[in-house]
Amino acid sequence: MAGCQQPVANRNSTGTTVVCFGDSLTAGYGATAGHAYPSLLAQKISLPVINAGVSGNTTADALARLDRDVLSHNPKMVIITLGANDYFQGKPEKETLANMKEIIDRIKARGAMVVWAEVKMGILGDPYIDDFRALAGREHILLIPNILGGIIDNPSLKYDQIHPNDEGYKIMAGRIYRHIKNLI
């Protein structure tokens, strides 16, 4: 399911922006000014990149601001990092998946491609991961697996226990770019 191994819905989108939509990982918590992954991604692509990240957001919070912060920007592509706060706050998995499905459906209905940068949430296991991956497959969205792989367990790439530092966000931006460059 990673990369372009499956068809990506709305591949021929006529939108004019890339919107990075998510929580603190999108907002750039722990990064110095200009080093959040959306800022670094903007240096690599020719479309305007909008950072619509809000620290602490759950999927319900994100759904509530979807029209204002994402759909109003005529997106060609929306890159999502959501779900970790639902997990950490003990939100029911069924509710999280329903919120994600609605977010994905509404973005696709607007004609934009959806990219989901997967955040593995459990150190010993991740009860959401299989259902998240299945949802990505059913919805024909691009899934970038384990976006924090090699970052989360490397203190030199982290600001705190969860969030990357400038170097960690640089790795995230590079991974995302490698997956999306043929779609934009």
C-alpha atoms as a PDB file:
ATOM      1  CA  MET A   1       0.000   0.000   0.000  1.00  0.00           C
ATOM      2  CA  ALA A   2       2.916   2.371   0.350  1.00  0.00           C
ATOM      3  CA  GLY A   3       4.176   4.460  -2.509  1.00  0.00           C
ATOM      4  CA  CYS A   4       2.351   4.272  -5.835  1.00  0.00           C
ATOM      5  CA  GLN A   5       1.693   0.539  -5.739  1.00  0.00           C
ATOM      6  CA  GLN A   6      -2.031   1.201  -5.715  1.00  0.00           C
ATOM      7  CA  PRO A   7      -4.056   3.740  -7.659  1.00  0.00           C
ATOM      8  CA  VAL A   8      -4.305   7.100  -5.928  1.00  0.00           C
ATOM      9  CA  ALA A   9      -7.759   8.697  -6.073  1.00  0.00           C
ATOM     10  CA  ASN A  10      -7.892  12.126  -7.735  1.00  0.00           C
ATOM     11  CA  ARG A  11      -4.442  11.779  -9.250  1.00  0.00           C
ATOM     12  CA  ASN A  12      -5.453  14.333 -11.901  1.00  0.00           C
ATOM     13  CA  SER A  13      -6.505  16.929  -9.335  1.00  0.00           C
ATOM     14  CA  THR A  14      -6.594  20.504 -10.589  1.00  0.00           C
ATOM     15  CA  GLY A  15      -6.135  22.049  -7.146  1.00  0.00           C
ATOM     16  CA  THR A  16      -3.488  24.712  -6.666  1.00  0.00           C
ATOM     17  CA  THR A  17      -2.006  24.013  -3.215  1.00  0.00           C
ATOM     18  CA  VAL A  18      -0.588  21.299  -1.013  1.00  0.00           C
ATOM     19  CA  VAL A  19      -2.144  21.445   2.434  1.00  0.00           C
ATOM     20  CA  CYS A  20      -0.352  19.756   5.329  1.00  0.00           C
ATOM     21  CA  PHE A  21      -3.133  18.926   7.773  1.00  0.00           C
ATOM     22  CA  GLY A  22      -2.577  17.505  11.199  1.00  0.00           C
ATOM     23  CA  ASP A  23      -1.417  17.853  14.746  1.00  0.00           C
ATOM     24  CA  SER A  24       1.857  18.941  16.391  1.00  0.00           C
ATOM     25  CA  LEU A  25       3.925  16.916  13.906  1.00  0.00           C
ATOM     26  CA  THR A  26       2.533  19.103  11.137  1.00  0.00           C
ATOM     27  CA  ALA A  27       2.593  22.331  13.147  1.00  0.00           C
ATOM     28  CA  GLY A  28       6.277  21.675  13.775  1.00  0.00           C
ATOM     29  CA  TYR A  29       6.336  21.459  17.542  1.00  0.00           C
ATOM     30  CA  GLY A  30       9.995  21.288  18.570  1.00  0.00           C
ATOM     31  CA  ALA A  31      11.325  22.845  15.362  1.00  0.00           C
ATOM     32  CA  THR A  32      12.893  26.261  15.043  1.00  0.00           C
ATOM     33  CA  ALA A  33      11.174  28.780  12.767  1.00  0.00           C
ATOM     34  CA  GLY A  34      11.106  27.587   9.161  1.00  0.00           C
ATOM     35  CA  HIS A  35      12.008  23.987   9.982  1.00  0.00           C
ATOM     36  CA  ALA A  36       8.599  22.320  10.335  1.00  0.00           C
ATOM     37  CA  TYR A  37       8.202  19.655   7.670  1.00  0.00           C
ATOM     38  CA  PRO A  38       5.692  21.741   5.608  1.00  0.00           C
ATOM     39  CA  SER A  39       8.222  24.608   5.349  1.00  0.00           C
ATOM     40  CA  LEU A  40      10.947  22.201   4.266  1.00  0.00           C
ATOM     41  CA  LEU A  41       8.622  20.495   1.795  1.00  0.00           C
ATOM     42  CA  ALA A  42       7.761  23.895   0.273  1.00  0.00           C
ATOM     43  CA  GLN A  43      11.415  24.295  -0.664  1.00  0.00           C
ATOM     44  CA  LYS A  44      11.227  21.113  -2.769  1.00  0.00           C
ATOM     45  CA  ILE A  45       8.008  21.583  -4.757  1.00  0.00           C
ATOM     46  CA  SER A  46       6.585  24.253  -7.043  1.00  0.00           C
ATOM     47  CA  LEU A  47       3.112  24.493  -5.472  1.00  0.00           C
ATOM     48  CA  PRO A  48       2.284  26.657  -2.453  1.00  0.00           C
ATOM     49  CA  VAL A  49       2.369  24.605   0.762  1.00  0.00           C
ATOM     50  CA  ILE A  50       0.014  25.512   3.597  1.00  0.00           C
ATOM     51  CA  ASN A  51       0.734  24.407   7.149  1.00  0.00           C
ATOM     52  CA  ALA A  52      -2.629  23.557   8.716  1.00  0.00           C
ATOM     53  CA  GLY A  53      -1.200  21.818  11.753  1.00  0.00           C
ATOM     54  CA  VAL A  54      -2.556  22.427  15.245  1.00  0.00           C
ATOM     55  CA  SER A  55      -0.797  20.898  18.238  1.00  0.00           C
ATOM     56  CA  GLY A  56      -2.962  18.572  20.276  1.00  0.00           C
ATOM     57  CA  ASN A  57      -5.575  18.016  17.577  1.00  0.00           C
ATOM     58  CA  THR A  58      -7.535  14.796  17.563  1.00  0.00           C
ATOM     59  CA  THR A  59      -9.321  13.581  14.464  1.00  0.00           C
ATOM     60  CA  ALA A  60     -12.536  15.161  15.823  1.00  0.00           C
ATOM     61  CA  ASP A  61     -10.797  18.529  16.248  1.00  0.00           C
ATOM     62  CA  ALA A  62      -9.381  18.302  12.739  1.00  0.00           C
ATOM     63  CA  LEU A  63     -12.735  17.349  11.254  1.00  0.00           C
ATOM     64  CA  ALA A  64     -14.294  20.442  12.858  1.00  0.00           C
ATOM     65  CA  ARG A  65     -11.805  22.738  11.078  1.00  0.00           C
ATOM     66  CA  LEU A  66     -11.529  20.861   7.772  1.00  0.00           C
ATOM     67  CA  ASP A  67     -13.545  23.323   5.661  1.00  0.00           C
ATOM     68  CA  ARG A  68     -11.807  26.448   6.966  1.00  0.00           C
ATOM     69  CA  ASP A  69      -8.235  25.182   7.190  1.00  0.00           C
ATOM     70  CA  VAL A  70      -8.065  22.769   4.255  1.00  0.00           C
ATOM     71  CA  LEU A  71     -10.872  22.771   1.720  1.00  0.00           C
ATOM     72  CA  SER A  72     -10.974  26.568   1.425  1.00  0.00           C
ATOM     73  CA  HIS A  73      -7.413  26.491   0.012  1.00  0.00           C
ATOM     74  CA  ASN A  74      -8.289  24.599  -3.203  1.00  0.00           C
ATOM     75  CA  PRO A  75      -5.944  21.706  -2.428  1.00  0.00           C
ATOM     76  CA  LYS A  76      -4.407  19.508  -5.097  1.00  0.00           C
ATOM     77  CA  MET A  77      -3.085  17.302  -2.320  1.00  0.00           C
ATOM     78  CA  VAL A  78      -3.683  17.052   1.416  1.00  0.00           C
ATOM     79  CA  ILE A  79      -1.009  15.414   3.556  1.00  0.00           C
ATOM     80  CA  ILE A  80      -2.443  14.160   6.845  1.00  0.00           C
ATOM     81  CA  THR A  81      -0.694  13.376  10.132  1.00  0.00           C
ATOM     82  CA  LEU A  82      -3.518  12.581  12.529  1.00  0.00           C
ATOM     83  CA  GLY A  83      -4.480   9.818  14.924  1.00  0.00           C
ATOM     84  CA  ALA A  84      -1.705   9.884  17.512  1.00  0.00           C
ATOM     85  CA  ASN A  85      -3.556  12.226  19.866  1.00  0.00           C
ATOM     86  CA  ASP A  86      -6.672  10.061  19.628  1.00  0.00           C
ATOM     87  CA  TYR A  87      -4.536   7.120  20.721  1.00  0.00           C
ATOM     88  CA  PHE A  88      -2.806   9.012  23.545  1.00  0.00           C
ATOM     89  CA  GLN A  89      -6.134  10.416  24.788  1.00  0.00           C
ATOM     90  CA  GLY A  90      -7.827   7.012  24.737  1.00  0.00           C
ATOM     91  CA  LYS A  91     -10.420   7.888  22.095  1.00  0.00           C
ATOM     92  CA  PRO A  92     -12.311   4.836  20.851  1.00  0.00           C
ATOM     93  CA  GLU A  93     -10.680   3.377  17.757  1.00  0.00           C
ATOM     94  CA  LYS A  94     -14.064   3.167  16.006  1.00  0.00           C
ATOM     95  CA  GLU A  95     -14.593   6.921  16.506  1.00  0.00           C
ATOM     96  CA  THR A  96     -11.086   7.738  15.269  1.00  0.00           C
ATOM     97  CA  LEU A  97     -11.543   5.632  12.139  1.00  0.00           C
ATOM     98  CA  ALA A  98     -14.972   7.161  11.442  1.00  0.00           C
ATOM     99  CA  ASN A  99     -13.511  10.664  11.756  1.00  0.00           C
ATOM    100  CA  MET A 100     -10.618   9.777   9.449  1.00  0.00           C
ATOM    101  CA  LYS A 101     -12.971   8.268   6.893  1.00  0.00           C
ATOM    102  CA  GLU A 102     -15.087  11.424   6.887  1.00  0.00           C
ATOM    103  CA  ILE A 103     -12.001  13.633   6.552  1.00  0.00           C
ATOM    104  CA  ILE A 104     -10.745  11.515   3.647  1.00  0.00           C
ATOM    105  CA  ASP A 105     -14.172  11.374   1.967  1.00  0.00           C
ATOM    106  CA  ARG A 106     -14.638  15.141   2.137  1.00  0.00           C
ATOM    107  CA  ILE A 107     -11.161  15.853   0.782  1.00  0.00           C
ATOM    108  CA  LYS A 108     -11.663  13.392  -2.063  1.00  0.00           C
ATOM    109  CA  ALA A 109     -15.122  14.847  -2.801  1.00  0.00           C
ATOM    110  CA  ARG A 110     -13.402  18.210  -3.278  1.00  0.00           C
ATOM    111  CA  GLY A 111     -11.198  16.565  -5.908  1.00  0.00           C
ATOM    112  CA  ALA A 112      -7.889  16.475  -4.008  1.00  0.00           C
ATOM    113  CA  MET A 113      -5.481  13.598  -3.499  1.00  0.00           C
ATOM    114  CA  VAL A 114      -5.014  12.368   0.058  1.00  0.00           C
ATOM    115  CA  VAL A 115      -1.682  11.329   1.540  1.00  0.00           C
ATOM    116  CA  TRP A 116      -1.537   9.832   5.011  1.00  0.00           C
ATOM    117  CA  ALA A 117       1.804   9.991   6.797  1.00  0.00           C
ATOM    118  CA  GLU A 118       1.399   7.115   9.218  1.00  0.00           C
ATOM    119  CA  VAL A 119       2.496   7.610  12.810  1.00  0.00           C
ATOM    120  CA  LYS A 120       3.014   4.352  14.673  1.00  0.00           C
ATOM    121  CA  MET A 121       1.586   5.074  18.089  1.00  0.00           C
ATOM    122  CA  GLY A 122       2.538   2.240  20.345  1.00  0.00           C
ATOM    123  CA  ILE A 123       6.055   1.293  21.310  1.00  0.00           C
ATOM    124  CA  LEU A 124       5.173  -2.350  21.915  1.00  0.00           C
ATOM    125  CA  GLY A 125       2.329  -2.515  19.433  1.00  0.00           C
ATOM    126  CA  ASP A 126      -0.208  -0.374  17.652  1.00  0.00           C
ATOM    127  CA  PRO A 127      -3.835  -1.432  17.893  1.00  0.00           C
ATOM    128  CA  TYR A 128      -4.889   1.106  15.215  1.00  0.00           C
ATOM    129  CA  ILE A 129      -2.318   0.276  12.542  1.00  0.00           C
ATOM    130  CA  ASP A 130      -4.028  -2.574  10.695  1.00  0.00           C
ATOM    131  CA  ASP A 131      -7.368  -0.759  10.518  1.00  0.00           C
ATOM    132  CA  PHE A 132      -5.674   2.485   9.425  1.00  0.00           C
ATOM    133  CA  ARG A 133      -3.822   0.670   6.660  1.00  0.00           C
ATOM    134  CA  ALA A 134      -6.990  -1.105   5.536  1.00  0.00           C
ATOM    135  CA  LEU A 135      -8.821   2.242   5.417  1.00  0.00           C
ATOM    136  CA  ALA A 136      -6.024   3.748   3.307  1.00  0.00           C
ATOM    137  CA  GLY A 137      -6.245   0.832   0.889  1.00  0.00           C
ATOM    138  CA  ARG A 138     -10.039   0.992   0.564  1.00  0.00           C
ATOM    139  CA  GLU A 139      -9.962   4.748   0.013  1.00  0.00           C
ATOM    140  CA  HIS A 140      -7.123   4.658  -2.558  1.00  0.00           C
ATOM    141  CA  ILE A 141      -4.975   7.138  -0.734  1.00  0.00           C
ATOM    142  CA  LEU A 142      -1.210   7.217  -0.579  1.00  0.00           C
ATOM    143  CA  LEU A 143       0.032   5.802   2.714  1.00  0.00           C
ATOM    144  CA  ILE A 144       3.539   6.706   3.825  1.00  0.00           C
ATOM    145  CA  PRO A 145       4.375   4.064   6.422  1.00  0.00           C
ATOM    146  CA  ASN A 146       5.925   4.885   9.794  1.00  0.00           C
ATOM    147  CA  ILE A 147       6.890   8.493   9.104  1.00  0.00           C
ATOM    148  CA  LEU A 148       8.809   8.643  12.416  1.00  0.00           C
ATOM    149  CA  GLY A 149      10.742   5.421  11.830  1.00  0.00           C
ATOM    150  CA  GLY A 150      14.351   5.892  12.910  1.00  0.00           C
ATOM    151  CA  ILE A 151      13.474   9.300  14.379  1.00  0.00           C
ATOM    152  CA  ILE A 152      11.381   8.350  17.399  1.00  0.00           C
ATOM    153  CA  ASP A 153      14.111   6.093  18.785  1.00  0.00           C
ATOM    154  CA  ASN A 154      17.046   8.418  18.038  1.00  0.00           C
ATOM    155  CA  PRO A 155      17.579  11.124  20.682  1.00  0.00           C
ATOM    156  CA  SER A 156      19.748  13.174  18.302  1.00  0.00           C
ATOM    157  CA  LEU A 157      16.709  13.634  16.011  1.00  0.00           C
ATOM    158  CA  LYS A 158      14.167  14.532  18.695  1.00  0.00           C
ATOM    159  CA  TYR A 159      13.133  17.647  20.550  1.00  0.00           C
ATOM    160  CA  ASP A 160      11.354  15.649  23.265  1.00  0.00           C
ATOM    161  CA  GLN A 161      10.034  12.100  23.699  1.00  0.00           C
ATOM    162  CA  ILE A 162       7.672  12.358  20.723  1.00  0.00           C
ATOM    163  CA  HIS A 163       8.496  15.345  18.538  1.00  0.00           C
ATOM    164  CA  PRO A 164      11.361  15.643  16.089  1.00  0.00           C
ATOM    165  CA  ASN A 165      13.893  18.453  16.147  1.00  0.00           C
ATOM    166  CA  ASP A 166      14.990  20.336  13.015  1.00  0.00           C
ATOM    167  CA  GLU A 167      16.974  17.339  11.726  1.00  0.00           C
ATOM    168  CA  GLY A 168      14.084  14.960  12.417  1.00  0.00           C
ATOM    169  CA  TYR A 169      11.642  17.203  10.546  1.00  0.00           C
ATOM    170  CA  LYS A 170      14.115  17.360   7.659  1.00  0.00           C
ATOM    171  CA  ILE A 171      13.979  13.553   7.448  1.00  0.00           C
ATOM    172  CA  MET A 172      10.155  13.638   7.556  1.00  0.00           C
ATOM    173  CA  ALA A 173      10.037  16.214   4.741  1.00  0.00           C
ATOM    174  CA  GLY A 174      12.424  14.123   2.644  1.00  0.00           C
ATOM    175  CA  ARG A 175      10.360  10.967   3.115  1.00  0.00           C
ATOM    176  CA  ILE A 176       7.148  12.745   2.206  1.00  0.00           C
ATOM    177  CA  TYR A 177       8.738  14.359  -0.840  1.00  0.00           C
ATOM    178  CA  ARG A 178      10.040  11.022  -2.134  1.00  0.00           C
ATOM    179  CA  HIS A 179       6.529   9.569  -1.945  1.00  0.00           C
ATOM    180  CA  ILE A 180       4.667  12.507  -3.503  1.00  0.00           C
ATOM    181  CA  LYS A 181       7.086  13.905  -6.086  1.00  0.00           C
ATOM    182  CA  ASN A 182       5.563  11.886  -8.944  1.00  0.00           C
ATOM    183  CA  LEU A 183       2.042  12.982  -7.978  1.00  0.00           C
ATOM    184  CA  ILE A 184       2.593  16.744  -8.028  1.00  0.00           C
END
